[in-house]
Amino acid sequence: MKLLQINAGIFGQDSQSTQLADHFVSEWQARHPEGDVVTRDFSVEPVPHLDGFRFGAFLAAPEQRTPEQDVVVAYSDQLIEEVRQADTLVIGLPMYNFSVPSTLKAWFDHIARAGVTFKYTETGPVGLLDSATKVRVVAARGGLYQGTPKDTQTDYVRLFLGFLGLTDVQFVYAEGLSMGGDSKDEALQNARGQIAAMI
């Protein structure tokens, strides 16, 4: 069994989303003691944002790539292979300004490759990643957004992952973390309970 952990919080181990993702991994390891865990922490090693040069490297035919473009594609290939090798993918997802962190979007941009992780057909796009891969998203938020129009993350993340073929996607929400009182402790405790039940 292999698990890929994606930490998108900008504050490293101080990010509530990272701490909850770490809790998920600990629970998972307790049930899969022989399992392997690969961690991508964007606060330590952010994925470069997509630009014209990188996108051009993805589009170039392999025999026409420059050495610099080969490096870009090899990096993208590595990120994709980590997803392909994982039985479970857990994403620690904070909400910044009503959206996903830009580094997570950059990771999305590097794993979405036409002909590699999705393809276009006469009936529309088809995801090429394994639909059996379990994706668990731990969303940490300062306010209360779940089920409201202000929750721009859930549908977007589910849509993107489904586009690549990853359709077994479940969310855990820890909300109201900045609302004071007992709200934070209750939200975190509830999220940990959801994680335990999920695993």
Protein backbone atom coordinates (compact mmCIF):
# COMPACT_ATOMS: atom_id res chain seq x y z
CA MET A 1 0.00 0.00 0.00
CA LYS A 2 1.22 3.48 -0.85
CA LEU A 3 -0.05 6.87 0.27
CA LEU A 4 0.80 10.25 -1.22
CA GLN A 5 0.38 13.21 1.13
CA ILE A 6 0.03 16.70 -0.34
CA ASN A 7 0.39 19.56 2.15
CA ALA A 8 -0.78 22.84 0.61
CA GLY A 9 -0.67 25.05 3.73
CA ILE A 10 1.80 27.91 3.57
CA PHE A 11 2.70 27.73 7.26
CA GLY A 12 4.19 24.26 7.25
CA GLN A 13 3.57 22.31 10.42
CA ASP A 14 1.70 25.29 11.86
CA SER A 15 -1.01 24.85 9.21
CA GLN A 16 -4.16 23.26 10.58
CA SER A 17 -4.70 21.49 7.25
CA THR A 18 -1.21 19.97 7.45
CA GLN A 19 -1.75 18.84 11.03
CA LEU A 20 -5.02 17.17 10.07
CA ALA A 21 -3.41 15.56 7.03
CA ASP A 22 -0.63 14.30 9.32
CA HIS A 23 -3.32 12.86 11.59
CA PHE A 24 -4.85 11.09 8.61
CA VAL A 25 -1.46 9.62 7.71
CA SER A 26 -0.87 8.45 11.30
CA GLU A 27 -4.24 6.70 11.35
CA TRP A 28 -3.55 5.19 7.95
CA GLN A 29 -0.11 3.94 9.00
CA ALA A 30 -1.59 2.33 12.11
CA ARG A 31 -3.78 0.25 9.82
CA HIS A 32 -1.12 -0.27 7.15
CA PRO A 33 2.16 -0.62 9.11
CA GLU A 34 3.97 -1.91 6.02
CA GLY A 35 2.68 0.91 3.85
CA ASP A 36 4.87 3.54 2.20
CA VAL A 37 4.22 7.28 2.52
CA VAL A 38 5.47 9.96 0.14
CA THR A 39 5.01 13.56 1.28
CA ARG A 40 4.94 16.71 -0.83
CA ASP A 41 5.01 19.80 1.38
CA PHE A 42 4.57 22.93 -0.72
CA SER A 43 5.70 25.19 2.13
CA VAL A 44 9.12 23.52 1.86
CA GLU A 45 9.28 22.69 -1.84
CA PRO A 46 6.65 24.63 -3.80
CA VAL A 47 5.77 23.53 -7.30
CA PRO A 48 6.72 26.25 -9.80
CA HIS A 49 3.78 28.14 -11.22
CA LEU A 50 2.85 27.45 -14.79
CA ASP A 51 4.26 29.88 -17.36
CA GLY A 52 4.67 29.96 -21.10
CA PHE A 53 7.99 28.13 -21.07
CA ARG A 54 6.70 25.27 -18.95
CA PHE A 55 3.47 24.93 -20.90
CA GLY A 56 5.47 24.97 -24.13
CA ALA A 57 7.60 22.12 -22.81
CA PHE A 58 4.47 20.05 -22.20
CA LEU A 59 3.26 20.69 -25.74
CA ALA A 60 6.57 20.05 -27.51
CA ALA A 61 7.14 16.70 -29.19
CA PRO A 62 9.73 14.67 -27.21
CA GLU A 63 12.25 14.70 -30.05
CA GLN A 64 11.96 18.48 -30.40
CA ARG A 65 12.40 19.44 -26.74
CA THR A 66 15.40 21.39 -25.60
CA PRO A 67 17.42 20.06 -22.64
CA GLU A 68 15.74 22.69 -20.46
CA GLN A 69 12.31 21.50 -21.58
CA ASP A 70 13.31 17.92 -20.84
CA VAL A 71 13.95 18.95 -17.23
CA VAL A 72 10.50 20.53 -16.96
CA VAL A 73 8.76 17.48 -18.38
CA ALA A 74 10.78 15.10 -16.20
CA TYR A 75 9.67 17.03 -13.11
CA SER A 76 6.04 16.84 -14.22
CA ASP A 77 6.45 13.12 -14.96
CA GLN A 78 7.75 12.59 -11.43
CA LEU A 79 4.73 14.32 -9.88
CA ILE A 80 2.38 12.26 -12.04
CA GLU A 81 4.14 9.01 -11.22
CA GLU A 82 3.74 9.72 -7.50
CA VAL A 83 -0.01 9.94 -8.03
CA ARG A 84 -0.07 6.81 -10.17
CA GLN A 85 1.81 4.80 -7.56
CA ALA A 86 -0.49 5.85 -4.71
CA ASP A 87 -3.40 3.75 -3.51
CA THR A 88 -4.50 6.71 -1.38
CA LEU A 89 -3.96 10.42 -1.94
CA VAL A 90 -4.58 12.78 0.98
CA ILE A 91 -4.60 16.54 0.43
CA GLY A 92 -4.29 18.99 3.30
CA LEU A 93 -6.30 21.90 1.91
CA PRO A 94 -6.54 25.34 3.54
CA MET A 95 -8.77 28.07 2.14
CA TYR A 96 -7.05 31.31 1.19
CA ASN A 97 -9.19 34.18 -0.07
CA PHE A 98 -12.03 31.85 -1.04
CA SER A 99 -9.80 29.64 -3.17
CA VAL A 100 -7.16 26.92 -3.12
CA PRO A 101 -3.51 27.83 -2.44
CA SER A 102 -1.71 28.89 -5.61
CA THR A 103 0.91 26.17 -5.07
CA LEU A 104 -1.80 23.51 -5.14
CA LYS A 105 -3.07 25.00 -8.39
CA ALA A 106 0.51 24.83 -9.70
CA TRP A 107 0.62 21.12 -8.79
CA PHE A 108 -2.70 20.65 -10.58
CA ASP A 109 -1.21 22.36 -13.64
CA HIS A 110 1.77 20.01 -13.63
CA ILE A 111 -0.22 16.78 -13.34
CA ALA A 112 -2.85 17.72 -15.95
CA ARG A 113 -1.15 16.63 -19.19
CA ALA A 114 -3.04 15.86 -22.38
CA GLY A 115 -2.24 12.34 -23.56
CA VAL A 116 -0.71 11.49 -20.19
CA THR A 117 -3.33 11.96 -17.47
CA PHE A 118 -6.30 12.75 -19.70
CA LYS A 119 -7.21 12.56 -23.36
CA TYR A 120 -9.79 14.11 -25.64
CA THR A 121 -12.20 11.86 -27.51
CA GLU A 122 -15.15 12.37 -29.83
CA THR A 123 -17.44 12.21 -26.82
CA GLY A 124 -15.36 14.48 -24.59
CA PRO A 125 -12.36 14.26 -22.27
CA VAL A 126 -11.47 11.01 -20.52
CA GLY A 127 -9.29 10.78 -17.40
CA LEU A 128 -6.37 8.36 -17.58
CA LEU A 129 -5.53 8.04 -13.88
CA ASP A 130 -6.76 5.04 -11.90
CA SER A 131 -10.32 5.51 -10.66
CA ALA A 132 -9.59 3.05 -7.83
CA THR A 133 -7.24 5.56 -6.20
CA LYS A 134 -8.81 6.93 -3.03
CA VAL A 135 -8.56 10.71 -2.66
CA ARG A 136 -9.23 12.18 0.77
CA VAL A 137 -9.27 15.96 1.11
CA VAL A 138 -8.91 17.52 4.55
CA ALA A 139 -10.21 21.08 4.26
CA ALA A 140 -9.39 23.55 7.06
CA ARG A 141 -11.17 26.91 7.07
CA GLY A 142 -11.38 29.90 9.34
CA GLY A 143 -15.08 30.49 8.66
CA LEU A 144 -18.16 28.46 7.79
CA TYR A 145 -18.44 27.75 4.07
CA GLN A 146 -19.48 24.14 3.55
CA GLY A 147 -22.66 23.89 1.53
CA THR A 148 -22.77 27.61 0.73
CA PRO A 149 -21.95 29.56 -2.46
CA LYS A 150 -18.76 30.72 -0.75
CA ASP A 151 -17.34 27.21 -0.86
CA THR A 152 -15.49 27.52 -4.14
CA GLN A 153 -13.11 24.68 -3.30
CA THR A 154 -15.19 21.52 -3.10
CA ASP A 155 -16.73 21.53 -6.57
CA TYR A 156 -13.51 22.76 -8.18
CA VAL A 157 -11.27 20.14 -6.58
CA ARG A 158 -13.77 17.36 -7.28
CA LEU A 159 -14.16 18.53 -10.90
CA PHE A 160 -10.42 18.72 -11.52
CA LEU A 161 -9.63 15.33 -9.99
CA GLY A 162 -12.54 13.73 -11.82
CA PHE A 163 -11.26 15.20 -15.07
CA LEU A 164 -8.10 13.12 -14.57
CA GLY A 165 -10.07 10.00 -13.66
CA LEU A 166 -9.87 10.28 -9.87
CA THR A 167 -13.50 9.89 -8.90
CA ASP A 168 -13.31 8.33 -5.42
CA VAL A 169 -13.04 11.70 -3.64
CA GLN A 170 -14.21 12.39 -0.09
CA PHE A 171 -13.89 15.55 2.00
CA VAL A 172 -13.39 16.18 5.69
CA TYR A 173 -14.14 19.73 6.83
CA ALA A 174 -12.73 21.56 9.82
CA GLU A 175 -14.49 24.94 9.80
CA GLY A 176 -14.83 27.93 12.08
CA LEU A 177 -11.20 27.69 13.15
CA SER A 178 -10.91 31.49 13.46
CA MET A 179 -14.27 32.12 15.11
CA GLY A 180 -13.06 31.93 18.70
CA GLY A 181 -14.55 30.19 21.69
CA ASP A 182 -14.87 26.44 21.53
CA SER A 183 -15.47 26.48 17.78
CA LYS A 184 -11.89 25.58 16.85
CA ASP A 185 -11.51 22.71 19.31
CA GLU A 186 -14.90 21.26 18.39
CA ALA A 187 -14.17 21.50 14.66
CA LEU A 188 -10.79 19.81 14.96
CA GLN A 189 -12.16 17.07 17.19
CA ASN A 190 -15.00 16.45 14.78
CA ALA A 191 -12.60 16.33 11.83
CA ARG A 192 -10.39 13.78 13.58
CA GLY A 193 -13.45 11.65 14.24
CA GLN A 194 -14.40 11.83 10.57
CA ILE A 195 -10.89 10.82 9.58
CA ALA A 196 -10.94 7.79 11.88
CA ALA A 197 -14.30 6.68 10.51
CA MET A 198 -13.17 7.27 6.93
CA ILE A 199 -10.05 5.14 7.26
